[in-house]
Amino acid sequence: MAKPYKTYFYRGQDPLLTEAVEKIKDTGTKFSQLSKDSGVSTTTFYNWQKRKSKRTYASTMNAALRGAGMQLKIVNGKSK
């Protein structure tokens, strides 16, 4: 079976973080409220949005997503 890629390489911001930021922005919730709900600082949300942060810890991303009413989840990508 061929591997989808040999390494996880990207230029700029981690694509997973970019997608999480887009989903969070789609909720329309202010970063100050998300910070209260998630425990993630408003500065972190702004840095993610402005792409000043290239990557983050999965635990921080998960906390941010949970604060926005979502969750970070791993699903089986193989089709049956």
Protein backbone atom coordinates (compact mmCIF):
# COMPACT_ATOMS: atom_id res chain seq x y z
CA MET A 1 0.00 0.00 0.00
CA ALA A 2 1.40 3.40 -0.97
CA LYS A 3 1.72 6.08 1.67
CA PRO A 4 -0.19 9.31 0.95
CA TYR A 5 3.01 11.28 1.72
CA LYS A 6 6.40 10.59 3.25
CA THR A 7 6.38 13.61 5.56
CA TYR A 8 3.91 16.22 6.72
CA PHE A 9 5.38 19.23 4.93
CA TYR A 10 3.76 22.57 4.30
CA ARG A 11 4.78 26.17 3.65
CA GLY A 12 3.26 28.83 5.84
CA GLN A 13 0.53 27.88 8.27
CA ASP A 14 -0.34 24.26 9.04
CA PRO A 15 -3.33 23.37 6.81
CA LEU A 16 -5.12 21.78 9.77
CA LEU A 17 -4.81 25.02 11.74
CA THR A 18 -6.00 27.03 8.73
CA GLU A 19 -9.10 24.86 8.44
CA ALA A 20 -9.80 25.11 12.18
CA VAL A 21 -9.54 28.91 12.02
CA GLU A 22 -12.00 29.02 9.12
CA LYS A 23 -14.49 26.80 10.96
CA ILE A 24 -14.16 28.92 14.11
CA LYS A 25 -14.66 32.15 12.13
CA ASP A 26 -17.77 30.65 10.48
CA THR A 27 -19.46 30.49 13.89
CA GLY A 28 -19.44 34.30 14.06
CA THR A 29 -18.48 34.20 17.74
CA LYS A 30 -16.18 36.96 18.94
CA PHE A 31 -12.69 35.93 19.97
CA SER A 32 -13.22 37.40 23.44
CA GLN A 33 -16.17 35.04 23.99
CA LEU A 34 -14.29 32.09 22.52
CA SER A 35 -11.44 32.85 24.91
CA LYS A 36 -13.80 32.73 27.89
CA ASP A 37 -15.40 29.51 26.66
CA SER A 38 -12.18 27.71 25.71
CA GLY A 39 -9.40 29.09 27.88
CA VAL A 40 -7.39 29.94 24.74
CA SER A 41 -6.19 33.55 24.74
CA THR A 42 -7.67 36.13 22.36
CA THR A 43 -4.11 36.84 21.20
CA THR A 44 -3.80 33.22 20.06
CA PHE A 45 -7.01 33.50 18.03
CA TYR A 46 -5.79 36.72 16.37
CA ASN A 47 -2.36 35.24 15.66
CA TRP A 48 -3.98 32.20 14.07
CA GLN A 49 -6.28 34.36 11.96
CA LYS A 50 -3.44 36.64 10.81
CA ARG A 51 -1.27 33.56 10.16
CA LYS A 52 1.40 34.75 12.58
CA SER A 53 1.29 31.27 14.13
CA LYS A 54 2.45 28.56 11.77
CA ARG A 55 1.47 25.63 13.99
CA THR A 56 -0.07 24.89 17.36
CA TYR A 57 -0.53 22.09 19.84
CA ALA A 58 -3.44 19.78 19.13
CA SER A 59 -4.65 20.33 22.69
CA THR A 60 -4.87 24.09 22.12
CA MET A 61 -6.68 23.63 18.82
CA ASN A 62 -9.07 21.15 20.41
CA ALA A 63 -9.81 23.55 23.29
CA ALA A 64 -10.51 26.35 20.79
CA LEU A 65 -12.79 24.13 18.71
CA ARG A 66 -14.66 22.92 21.80
CA GLY A 67 -15.15 26.52 22.87
CA ALA A 68 -16.77 27.09 19.47
CA GLY A 69 -19.02 24.03 19.90
CA MET A 70 -16.91 21.67 17.77
CA GLN A 71 -14.25 19.06 18.41
CA LEU A 72 -11.05 17.80 16.89
CA LYS A 73 -11.69 14.23 15.79
CA ILE A 74 -9.83 11.57 13.88
CA VAL A 75 -11.92 9.58 11.43
CA ASN A 76 -11.15 6.67 9.17
CA GLY A 77 -10.32 8.08 5.77
CA LYS A 78 -10.32 4.75 3.95
CA SER A 79 -13.30 4.00 1.76
CA LYS A 80 -14.84 0.58 2.06
